[in-house]
């Protein structure tokens, strides 16, 4: 048996061992990737649920603002709680301010 054939036999054996060692490494990496994907998927689901809750909250706030800002409500508070009334035409004073003309 020559040096070349011994080298080829050793190289073949080393290649076989390396291949045998890389298979478990790839399996572990696949499991890690799967776990990472599962964690990210759980985060996305949680964020989607939170987003839905915030959207519903926002809808409630918009509705509340619309109710509170209605002119009928403001007028009712002005008349009933603050004792205000609408001004008569002769009580309205218009003021015009003109800027400096150069």
PDB file of N, CA and C in Angstrom:
ATOM      1  N   UNK A   1       0.846  -1.161   0.000  1.00  0.00           N
ATOM      2  CA  UNK A   1       0.000   0.000   0.000  1.00  0.00           C
ATOM      3  C   UNK A   1       0.896   1.230   0.000  1.00  0.00           C
ATOM      4  N   UNK A   2       0.631   2.120  -0.964  1.00  0.00           N
ATOM      5  CA  UNK A   2       1.469   3.300  -1.105  1.00  0.00           C
ATOM      6  C   UNK A   2       0.973   4.445  -0.232  1.00  0.00           C
ATOM      7  N   UNK A   3       1.794   5.460  -0.221  1.00  0.00           N
ATOM      8  CA  UNK A   3       1.489   6.652   0.580  1.00  0.00           C
ATOM      9  C   UNK A   3       0.204   7.302   0.086  1.00  0.00           C
ATOM     10  N   UNK A   4       0.049   7.308  -1.233  1.00  0.00           N
ATOM     11  CA  UNK A   4      -1.129   7.952  -1.817  1.00  0.00           C
ATOM     12  C   UNK A   4      -2.402   7.206  -1.410  1.00  0.00           C
ATOM     13  N   UNK A   5      -2.375   5.898  -1.421  1.00  0.00           N
ATOM     14  CA  UNK A   5      -3.564   5.137  -1.060  1.00  0.00           C
ATOM     15  C   UNK A   5      -3.866   5.268   0.432  1.00  0.00           C
ATOM     16  N   UNK A   6      -2.807   5.336   1.285  1.00  0.00           N
ATOM     17  CA  UNK A   6      -3.022   5.555   2.713  1.00  0.00           C
ATOM     18  C   UNK A   6      -3.657   6.928   2.957  1.00  0.00           C
ATOM     19  N   UNK A   7      -3.152   7.921   2.241  1.00  0.00           N
ATOM     20  CA  UNK A   7      -3.675   9.283   2.370  1.00  0.00           C
ATOM     21  C   UNK A   7      -5.142   9.317   1.961  1.00  0.00           C
ATOM     22  N   UNK A   8      -5.479   8.660   0.850  1.00  0.00           N
ATOM     23  CA  UNK A   8      -6.863   8.643   0.385  1.00  0.00           C
ATOM     24  C   UNK A   8      -7.765   7.924   1.385  1.00  0.00           C
ATOM     25  N   UNK A   9      -7.244   6.823   1.968  1.00  0.00           N
ATOM     26  CA  UNK A   9      -8.037   6.092   2.953  1.00  0.00           C
ATOM     27  C   UNK A   9      -8.265   6.953   4.201  1.00  0.00           C
ATOM     28  N   UNK A  10      -7.221   7.650   4.680  1.00  0.00           N
ATOM     29  CA  UNK A  10      -7.346   8.530   5.851  1.00  0.00           C
ATOM     30  C   UNK A  10      -8.279   9.697   5.533  1.00  0.00           C
ATOM     31  N   UNK A  11      -8.131  10.261   4.346  1.00  0.00           N
ATOM     32  CA  UNK A  11      -8.992  11.375   3.944  1.00  0.00           C
ATOM     33  C   UNK A  11     -10.436  10.919   3.867  1.00  0.00           C
ATOM     34  N   UNK A  12     -10.680   9.727   3.367  1.00  0.00           N
ATOM     35  CA  UNK A  12     -12.040   9.193   3.309  1.00  0.00           C
ATOM     36  C   UNK A  12     -12.613   8.970   4.694  1.00  0.00           C
ATOM     37  N   UNK A  13     -11.801   8.448   5.599  1.00  0.00           N
ATOM     38  CA  UNK A  13     -12.249   8.205   6.969  1.00  0.00           C
ATOM     39  C   UNK A  13     -12.557   9.532   7.675  1.00  0.00           C
ATOM     40  N   UNK A  14     -11.669  10.505   7.517  1.00  0.00           N
ATOM     41  CA  UNK A  14     -11.890  11.829   8.126  1.00  0.00           C
ATOM     42  C   UNK A  14     -13.154  12.462   7.558  1.00  0.00           C
ATOM     43  N   UNK A  15     -13.345  12.357   6.263  1.00  0.00           N
ATOM     44  CA  UNK A  15     -14.543  12.905   5.621  1.00  0.00           C
ATOM     45  C   UNK A  15     -15.790  12.241   6.174  1.00  0.00           C
ATOM     46  N   UNK A  16     -15.740  10.943   6.364  1.00  0.00           N
ATOM     47  CA  UNK A  16     -16.891  10.220   6.911  1.00  0.00           C
ATOM     48  C   UNK A  16     -17.193  10.690   8.330  1.00  0.00           C
ATOM     49  N   UNK A  17     -16.151  10.832   9.158  1.00  0.00           N
ATOM     50  CA  UNK A  17     -16.354  11.317  10.528  1.00  0.00           C
ATOM     51  C   UNK A  17     -16.904  12.747  10.549  1.00  0.00           C
ATOM     52  N   UNK A  18     -16.348  13.594   9.693  1.00  0.00           N
ATOM     53  CA  UNK A  18     -16.839  14.978   9.631  1.00  0.00           C
ATOM     54  C   UNK A  18     -18.298  15.016   9.216  1.00  0.00           C
ATOM     55  N   UNK A  19     -18.662  14.212   8.232  1.00  0.00           N
ATOM     56  CA  UNK A  19     -20.056  14.153   7.790  1.00  0.00           C
ATOM     57  C   UNK A  19     -20.939  13.641   8.928  1.00  0.00           C
ATOM     58  N   UNK A  20     -20.464  12.615   9.632  1.00  0.00           N
ATOM     59  CA  UNK A  20     -21.234  12.057  10.745  1.00  0.00           C
ATOM     60  C   UNK A  20     -21.388  13.077  11.867  1.00  0.00           C
ATOM     61  N   UNK A  21     -20.404  13.945  12.083  1.00  0.00           N
ATOM     62  CA  UNK A  21     -20.495  14.969  13.126  1.00  0.00           C
ATOM     63  C   UNK A  21     -21.353  16.160  12.706  1.00  0.00           C
ATOM     64  N   UNK A  22     -21.385  16.464  11.416  1.00  0.00           N
ATOM     65  CA  UNK A  22     -22.162  17.629  10.973  1.00  0.00           C
ATOM     66  C   UNK A  22     -23.664  17.365  10.995  1.00  0.00           C
ATOM     67  N   UNK A  23     -24.074  16.121  10.852  1.00  0.00           N
ATOM     68  CA  UNK A  23     -25.510  15.820  10.864  1.00  0.00           C
ATOM     69  C   UNK A  23     -26.145  16.219  12.196  1.00  0.00           C
ATOM     70  N   UNK A  24     -25.598  15.836  13.349  1.00  0.00           N
ATOM     71  CA  UNK A  24     -26.202  16.294  14.615  1.00  0.00           C
ATOM     72  C   UNK A  24     -26.142  17.816  14.778  1.00  0.00           C
ATOM     73  N   UNK A  25     -25.073  18.414  14.296  1.00  0.00           N
ATOM     74  CA  UNK A  25     -24.962  19.875  14.384  1.00  0.00           C
ATOM     75  C   UNK A  25     -26.099  20.532  13.609  1.00  0.00           C
ATOM     76  N   UNK A  26     -26.372  20.024  12.401  1.00  0.00           N
ATOM     77  CA  UNK A  26     -27.468  20.580  11.599  1.00  0.00           C
ATOM     78  C   UNK A  26     -28.819  20.314  12.255  1.00  0.00           C
ATOM     79  N   UNK A  27     -28.975  19.169  12.882  1.00  0.00           N
ATOM     80  CA  UNK A  27     -30.222  18.877  13.583  1.00  0.00           C
ATOM     81  C   UNK A  27     -30.433  19.836  14.760  1.00  0.00           C
ATOM     82  N   UNK A  28     -29.377  20.085  15.516  1.00  0.00           N
ATOM     83  CA  UNK A  28     -29.470  21.029  16.640  1.00  0.00           C
ATOM     84  C   UNK A  28     -29.792  22.428  16.122  1.00  0.00           C
ATOM     85  N   UNK A  29     -29.156  22.822  15.038  1.00  0.00           N
ATOM     86  CA  UNK A  29     -29.426  24.148  14.460  1.00  0.00           C
ATOM     87  C   UNK A  29     -30.876  24.240  13.982  1.00  0.00           C
ATOM     88  N   UNK A  30     -31.393  23.164  13.403  1.00  0.00           N
ATOM     89  CA  UNK A  30     -32.786  23.160  12.941  1.00  0.00           C
ATOM     90  C   UNK A  30     -33.744  23.288  14.119  1.00  0.00           C
ATOM     91  N   UNK A  31     -33.444  22.602  15.214  1.00  0.00           N
ATOM     92  CA  UNK A  31     -34.284  22.696  16.414  1.00  0.00           C
ATOM     93  C   UNK A  31     -34.232  24.114  16.977  1.00  0.00           C
ATOM     94  N   UNK A  32     -33.046  24.705  17.001  1.00  0.00           N
ATOM     95  CA  UNK A  32     -32.914  26.079  17.507  1.00  0.00           C
ATOM     96  C   UNK A  32     -33.697  27.060  16.633  1.00  0.00           C
ATOM     97  N   UNK A  33     -33.619  26.896  15.324  1.00  0.00           N
ATOM     98  CA  UNK A  33     -34.365  27.772  14.416  1.00  0.00           C
ATOM     99  C   UNK A  33     -35.862  27.598  14.622  1.00  0.00           C
ATOM    100  N   UNK A  34     -36.287  26.360  14.800  1.00  0.00           N
ATOM    101  CA  UNK A  34     -37.708  26.092  15.022  1.00  0.00           C
ATOM    102  C   UNK A  34     -38.179  26.757  16.304  1.00  0.00           C
ATOM    103  N   UNK A  35     -37.395  26.658  17.348  1.00  0.00           N
ATOM    104  CA  UNK A  35     -37.735  27.275  18.629  1.00  0.00           C
ATOM    105  C   UNK A  35     -37.801  28.808  18.492  1.00  0.00           C
ATOM    106  N   UNK A  36     -36.818  29.365  17.797  1.00  0.00           N
ATOM    107  CA  UNK A  36     -36.778  30.816  17.579  1.00  0.00           C
ATOM    108  C   UNK A  36     -38.015  31.265  16.788  1.00  0.00           C
ATOM    109  N   UNK A  37     -38.368  30.525  15.761  1.00  0.00           N
ATOM    110  CA  UNK A  37     -39.550  30.853  14.956  1.00  0.00           C
ATOM    111  C   UNK A  37     -40.808  30.790  15.819  1.00  0.00           C
ATOM    112  N   UNK A  38     -40.901  29.775  16.667  1.00  0.00           N
ATOM    113  CA  UNK A  38     -42.061  29.620  17.543  1.00  0.00           C
ATOM    114  C   UNK A  38     -42.167  30.798  18.514  1.00  0.00           C
ATOM    115  N   UNK A  39     -41.039  31.226  19.068  1.00  0.00           N
ATOM    116  CA  UNK A  39     -41.039  32.382  19.979  1.00  0.00           C
ATOM    117  C   UNK A  39     -41.491  33.650  19.264  1.00  0.00           C
ATOM    118  N   UNK A  40     -40.988  33.846  18.065  1.00  0.00           N
ATOM    119  CA  UNK A  40     -41.362  35.041  17.294  1.00  0.00           C
ATOM    120  C   UNK A  40     -42.840  34.990  16.927  1.00  0.00           C
ATOM    121  N   UNK A  41     -43.317  33.824  16.567  1.00  0.00           N
ATOM    122  CA  UNK A  41     -44.733  33.675  16.215  1.00  0.00           C
ATOM    123  C   UNK A  41     -45.617  34.001  17.424  1.00  0.00           C
ATOM    124  N   UNK A  42     -45.217  33.561  18.605  1.00  0.00           N
ATOM    125  CA  UNK A  42     -45.973  33.877  19.829  1.00  0.00           C
ATOM    126  C   UNK A  42     -45.977  35.384  20.084  1.00  0.00           C
ATOM    127  N   UNK A  43     -44.844  36.026  19.863  1.00  0.00           N
ATOM    128  CA  UNK A  43     -44.761  37.482  20.029  1.00  0.00           C
ATOM    129  C   UNK A  43     -45.686  38.202  19.051  1.00  0.00           C
ATOM    130  N   UNK A  44     -45.731  37.732  17.819  1.00  0.00           N
ATOM    131  CA  UNK A  44     -46.592  38.358  16.807  1.00  0.00           C
ATOM    132  C   UNK A  44     -48.058  38.214  17.194  1.00  0.00           C
ATOM    133  N   UNK A  45     -48.443  37.043  17.664  1.00  0.00           N
ATOM    134  CA  UNK A  45     -49.826  36.830  18.093  1.00  0.00           C
ATOM    135  C   UNK A  45     -50.168  37.767  19.249  1.00  0.00           C
ATOM    136  N   UNK A  46     -49.273  37.877  20.218  1.00  0.00           N
ATOM    137  CA  UNK A  46     -49.511  38.754  21.369  1.00  0.00           C
ATOM    138  C   UNK A  46     -49.616  40.216  20.926  1.00  0.00           C
ATOM    139  N   UNK A  47     -48.751  40.618  20.010  1.00  0.00           N
ATOM    140  CA  UNK A  47     -48.788  42.003  19.524  1.00  0.00           C
ATOM    141  C   UNK A  47     -50.065  42.276  18.730  1.00  0.00           C
ATOM    142  N   UNK A  48     -50.530  41.307  17.959  1.00  0.00           N
ATOM    143  CA  UNK A  48     -51.784  41.479  17.222  1.00  0.00           C
ATOM    144  C   UNK A  48     -52.961  41.627  18.176  1.00  0.00           C
ATOM    145  N   UNK A  49     -52.968  40.841  19.249  1.00  0.00           N
ATOM    146  CA  UNK A  49     -54.029  40.964  20.248  1.00  0.00           C
ATOM    147  C   UNK A  49     -53.983  42.333  20.914  1.00  0.00           C
ATOM    148  N   UNK A  50     -52.787  42.788  21.268  1.00  0.00           N
ATOM    149  CA  UNK A  50     -52.635  44.105  21.896  1.00  0.00           C
ATOM    150  C   UNK A  50     -53.090  45.211  20.940  1.00  0.00           C
ATOM    151  N   UNK A  51     -52.740  45.057  19.665  1.00  0.00           N
ATOM    152  CA  UNK A  51     -53.152  46.053  18.668  1.00  0.00           C
ATOM    153  C   UNK A  51     -54.675  46.100  18.567  1.00  0.00           C
ATOM    154  N   UNK A  52     -55.321  44.944  18.570  1.00  0.00           N
ATOM    155  CA  UNK A  52     -56.786  44.911  18.510  1.00  0.00           C
ATOM    156  C   UNK A  52     -57.394  45.607  19.719  1.00  0.00           C
ATOM    157  N   UNK A  53     -56.828  45.348  20.902  1.00  0.00           N
ATOM    158  CA  UNK A  53     -57.313  46.014  22.118  1.00  0.00           C
ATOM    159  C   UNK A  53     -57.154  47.529  22.012  1.00  0.00           C
ATOM    160  N   UNK A  54     -56.008  47.974  21.518  1.00  0.00           N
ATOM    161  CA  UNK A  54     -55.761  49.416  21.398  1.00  0.00           C
ATOM    162  C   UNK A  54     -56.694  50.059  20.375  1.00  0.00           C
ATOM    163  N   UNK A  55     -56.974  49.350  19.295  1.00  0.00           N
ATOM    164  CA  UNK A  55     -57.893  49.888  18.285  1.00  0.00           C
ATOM    165  C   UNK A  55     -59.284  50.051  18.884  1.00  0.00           C
ATOM    166  N   UNK A  56     -59.736  49.046  19.636  1.00  0.00           N
ATOM    167  CA  UNK A  56     -61.051  49.141  20.271  1.00  0.00           C
ATOM    168  C   UNK A  56     -61.075  50.282  21.297  1.00  0.00           C
ATOM    169  N   UNK A  57     -60.006  50.422  22.060  1.00  0.00           N
ATOM    170  CA  UNK A  57     -59.906  51.525  23.019  1.00  0.00           C
ATOM    171  C   UNK A  57     -59.973  52.862  22.296  1.00  0.00           C
ATOM    172  N   UNK A  58     -59.258  52.954  21.207  1.00  0.00           N
ATOM    173  CA  UNK A  58     -59.231  54.193  20.433  1.00  0.00           C
ATOM    174  C   UNK A  58     -60.621  54.523  19.889  1.00  0.00           C
ATOM    175  N   UNK A  59     -61.344  53.511  19.429  1.00  0.00           N
ATOM    176  CA  UNK A  59     -62.711  53.747  18.938  1.00  0.00           C
ATOM    177  C   UNK A  59     -63.585  54.308  20.057  1.00  0.00           C
ATOM    178  N   UNK A  60     -63.425  53.766  21.256  1.00  0.00           N
ATOM    179  CA  UNK A  60     -64.194  54.260  22.398  1.00  0.00           C
ATOM    180  C   UNK A  60     -63.846  55.711  22.699  1.00  0.00           C
ATOM    181  N   UNK A  61     -62.554  56.025  22.671  1.00  0.00           N
ATOM    182  CA  UNK A  61     -62.132  57.408  22.932  1.00  0.00           C
ATOM    183  C   UNK A  61     -62.670  58.371  21.879  1.00  0.00           C
ATOM    184  N   UNK A  62     -62.634  57.960  20.623  1.00  0.00           N
ATOM    185  CA  UNK A  62     -63.146  58.824  19.547  1.00  0.00           C
ATOM    186  C   UNK A  62     -64.634  59.067  19.749  1.00  0.00           C
ATOM    187  N   UNK A  63     -65.364  58.016  20.109  1.00  0.00           N
ATOM    188  CA  UNK A  63     -66.802  58.174  20.373  1.00  0.00           C
ATOM    189  C   UNK A  63     -67.027  59.108  21.558  1.00  0.00           C
ATOM    190  N   UNK A  64     -66.245  58.932  22.623  1.00  0.00           N
ATOM    191  CA  UNK A  64     -66.375  59.816  23.799  1.00  0.00           C
ATOM    192  C   UNK A  64     -66.085  61.264  23.443  1.00  0.00           C
ATOM    193  N   UNK A  65     -65.062  61.487  22.638  1.00  0.00           N
ATOM    194  CA  UNK A  65     -64.733  62.853  22.225  1.00  0.00           C
ATOM    195  C   UNK A  65     -65.877  63.457  21.420  1.00  0.00           C
ATOM    196  N   UNK A  66     -66.449  62.661  20.521  1.00  0.00           N
ATOM    197  CA  UNK A  66     -67.562  63.152  19.704  1.00  0.00           C
ATOM    198  C   UNK A  66     -68.738  63.559  20.583  1.00  0.00           C
ATOM    199  N   UNK A  67     -69.032  62.729  21.588  1.00  0.00           N
ATOM    200  CA  UNK A  67     -70.150  63.036  22.493  1.00  0.00           C
ATOM    201  C   UNK A  67     -69.848  64.288  23.304  1.00  0.00           C
ATOM    202  N   UNK A  68     -68.639  64.355  23.862  1.00  0.00           N
ATOM    203  CA  UNK A  68     -68.287  65.496  24.714  1.00  0.00           C
ATOM    204  C   UNK A  68     -68.170  66.802  23.937  1.00  0.00           C
ATOM    205  N   UNK A  69     -67.803  66.726  22.670  1.00  0.00           N
ATOM    206  CA  UNK A  69     -67.604  67.940  21.875  1.00  0.00           C
ATOM    207  C   UNK A  69     -68.852  68.374  21.117  1.00  0.00           C
ATOM    208  N   UNK A  70     -69.954  67.671  21.290  1.00  0.00           N
ATOM    209  CA  UNK A  70     -71.162  68.032  20.538  1.00  0.00           C
ATOM    210  C   UNK A  70     -71.648  69.412  20.956  1.00  0.00           C
ATOM    211  N   UNK A  71     -72.112  70.168  19.987  1.00  0.00           N
ATOM    212  CA  UNK A  71     -72.556  71.538  20.266  1.00  0.00           C
ATOM    213  C   UNK A  71     -73.783  71.547  21.182  1.00  0.00           C
ATOM    214  N   UNK A  72     -74.644  70.530  21.074  1.00  0.00           N
ATOM    215  CA  UNK A  72     -75.821  70.466  21.940  1.00  0.00           C
ATOM    216  C   UNK A  72     -75.401  70.328  23.404  1.00  0.00           C
ATOM    217  N   UNK A  73     -74.427  69.481  23.676  1.00  0.00           N
ATOM    218  CA  UNK A  73     -73.954  69.264  25.048  1.00  0.00           C
ATOM    219  C   UNK A  73     -73.310  70.536  25.596  1.00  0.00           C
ATOM    220  N   UNK A  74     -72.487  71.171  24.776  1.00  0.00           N
ATOM    221  CA  UNK A  74     -71.804  72.394  25.216  1.00  0.00           C
ATOM    222  C   UNK A  74     -72.815  73.494  25.503  1.00  0.00           C
ATOM    223  N   UNK A  75     -73.830  73.616  24.628  1.00  0.00           N
ATOM    224  CA  UNK A  75     -74.855  74.638  24.842  1.00  0.00           C
ATOM    225  C   UNK A  75     -75.651  74.349  26.116  1.00  0.00           C
ATOM    226  N   UNK A  76     -75.976  73.094  26.360  1.00  0.00           N
ATOM    227  CA  UNK A  76     -76.726  72.715  27.562  1.00  0.00           C
ATOM    228  C   UNK A  76     -75.937  73.068  28.822  1.00  0.00           C
ATOM    229  N   UNK A  77     -74.647  72.774  28.831  1.00  0.00           N
ATOM    230  CA  UNK A  77     -73.806  73.108  29.988  1.00  0.00           C
ATOM    231  C   UNK A  77     -73.729  74.619  30.170  1.00  0.00           C
ATOM    232  N   UNK A  78     -73.575  75.341  29.043  1.00  0.00           N
ATOM    233  CA  UNK A  78     -73.476  76.799  29.123  1.00  0.00           C
ATOM    234  C   UNK A  78     -74.748  77.404  29.708  1.00  0.00           C
ATOM    235  N   UNK A  79     -75.891  76.914  29.280  1.00  0.00           N
ATOM    236  CA  UNK A  79     -77.162  77.492  29.742  1.00  0.00           C
ATOM    237  C   UNK A  79     -77.491  77.024  31.155  1.00  0.00           C
ATOM    238  N   UNK A  80     -77.440  75.710  31.376  1.00  0.00           N
ATOM    239  CA  UNK A  80     -77.920  75.165  32.649  1.00  0.00           C
ATOM    240  C   UNK A  80     -76.918  75.305  33.790  1.00  0.00           C
ATOM    241  N   UNK A  81     -75.656  75.086  33.525  1.00  0.00           N
ATOM    242  CA  UNK A  81     -74.681  75.090  34.609  1.00  0.00           C
ATOM    243  C   UNK A  81     -73.992  76.447  34.779  1.00  0.00           C
ATOM    244  N   UNK A  82     -73.775  77.142  33.672  1.00  0.00           N
ATOM    245  CA  UNK A  82     -73.035  78.407  33.747  1.00  0.00           C
ATOM    246  C   UNK A  82     -73.938  79.633  33.656  1.00  0.00           C
ATOM    247  N   UNK A  83     -75.224  79.404  33.422  1.00  0.00           N
ATOM    248  CA  UNK A  83     -76.173  80.521  33.365  1.00  0.00           C
ATOM    249  C   UNK A  83     -75.961  81.432  32.167  1.00  0.00           C
ATOM    250  N   UNK A  84     -75.426  80.934  31.118  1.00  0.00           N
ATOM    251  CA  UNK A  84     -75.185  81.756  29.933  1.00  0.00           C
ATOM    252  C   UNK A  84     -76.414  81.730  29.029  1.00  0.00           C
ATOM    253  N   UNK A  85     -76.450  82.646  28.082  1.00  0.00           N
ATOM    254  CA  UNK A  85     -77.517  82.680  27.084  1.00  0.00           C
ATOM    255  C   UNK A  85     -76.942  83.183  25.784  1.00  0.00           C
ATOM    256  N   UNK A  86     -77.678  82.983  24.718  1.00  0.00           N
ATOM    257  CA  UNK A  86     -77.223  83.486  23.421  1.00  0.00           C
ATOM    258  C   UNK A  86     -77.398  85.000  23.409  1.00  0.00           C
ATOM    259  N   UNK A  87     -76.430  85.658  22.800  1.00  0.00           N
ATOM    260  CA  UNK A  87     -76.479  87.125  22.749  1.00  0.00           C
ATOM    261  C   UNK A  87     -77.510  87.570  21.728  1.00  0.00           C
ATOM    262  N   UNK A  88     -78.216  88.639  22.084  1.00  0.00           N
ATOM    263  CA  UNK A  88     -79.146  89.236  21.124  1.00  0.00           C
ATOM    264  C   UNK A  88     -78.341  89.981  20.071  1.00  0.00           C
ATOM    265  N   UNK A  89     -78.978  90.244  18.942  1.00  0.00           N
ATOM    266  CA  UNK A  89     -78.290  90.900  17.832  1.00  0.00           C
ATOM    267  C   UNK A  89     -77.738  92.260  18.239  1.00  0.00           C
ATOM    268  N   UNK A  90     -78.487  93.025  19.008  1.00  0.00           N
ATOM    269  CA  UNK A  90     -78.028  94.358  19.392  1.00  0.00           C
ATOM    270  C   UNK A  90     -76.902  94.319  20.436  1.00  0.00           C
ATOM    271  N   UNK A  91     -76.631  93.144  21.009  1.00  0.00           N
ATOM    272  CA  UNK A  91     -75.558  93.016  21.987  1.00  0.00           C
ATOM    273  C   UNK A  91     -74.215  92.628  21.342  1.00  0.00           C
ATOM    274  N   UNK A  92     -74.276  92.305  20.073  1.00  0.00           N
ATOM    275  CA  UNK A  92     -73.060  91.853  19.387  1.00  0.00           C
ATOM    276  C   UNK A  92     -72.283  93.068  18.895  1.00  0.00           C
ATOM    277  N   UNK A  93     -71.016  93.153  19.234  1.00  0.00           N
ATOM    278  CA  UNK A  93     -70.149  94.241  18.804  1.00  0.00           C
ATOM    279  C   UNK A  93     -69.060  93.630  17.931  1.00  0.00           C
ATOM    280  N   UNK A  94     -68.904  94.148  16.758  1.00  0.00           N
ATOM    281  CA  UNK A  94     -67.869  93.655  15.856  1.00  0.00           C
ATOM    282  C   UNK A  94     -66.699  94.626  15.871  1.00  0.00           C
ATOM    283  N   UNK A  95     -65.522  94.088  16.005  1.00  0.00           N
ATOM    284  CA  UNK A  95     -64.309  94.900  16.057  1.00  0.00           C
ATOM    285  C   UNK A  95     -63.441  94.502  14.891  1.00  0.00           C
ATOM    286  N   UNK A  96     -62.961  95.483  14.171  1.00  0.00           N
ATOM    287  CA  UNK A  96     -62.092  95.230  13.035  1.00  0.00           C
ATOM    288  C   UNK A  96     -60.718  95.813  13.347  1.00  0.00           C
ATOM    289  N   UNK A  97     -59.710  95.038  13.216  1.00  0.00           N
ATOM    290  CA  UNK A  97     -58.357  95.501  13.470  1.00  0.00           C
ATOM    291  C   UNK A  97     -57.613  95.496  12.150  1.00  0.00           C
ATOM    292  N   UNK A  98     -57.107  96.647  11.807  1.00  0.00           N
ATOM    293  CA  UNK A  98     -56.351  96.748  10.559  1.00  0.00           C
ATOM    294  C   UNK A  98     -54.872  96.813  10.914  1.00  0.00           C
ATOM    295  N   UNK A  99     -54.068  96.136  10.123  1.00  0.00           N
ATOM    296  CA  UNK A  99     -52.639  96.144  10.376  1.00  0.00           C
ATOM    297  C   UNK A  99     -51.996  97.441   9.895  1.00  0.00           C
ATOM    298  N   UNK A 100     -50.725  97.659  10.270  1.00  0.00           N
ATOM    299  CA  UNK A 100     -49.985  98.843   9.821  1.00  0.00           C
ATOM    300  C   UNK A 100     -49.793  98.776   8.314  1.00  0.00           C
ATOM    301  N   UNK A 101     -50.074  99.881   7.654  1.00  0.00           N
ATOM    302  CA  UNK A 101     -49.866  99.957   6.203  1.00  0.00           C
ATOM    303  C   UNK A 101     -48.654 100.825   5.952  1.00  0.00           C
ATOM    304  N   UNK A 102     -47.757 100.309   5.199  1.00  0.00           N
ATOM    305  CA  UNK A 102     -46.540 101.078   4.906  1.00  0.00           C
ATOM    306  C   UNK A 102     -46.538 101.545   3.495  1.00  0.00           C
TER     307      UNK A 102
END
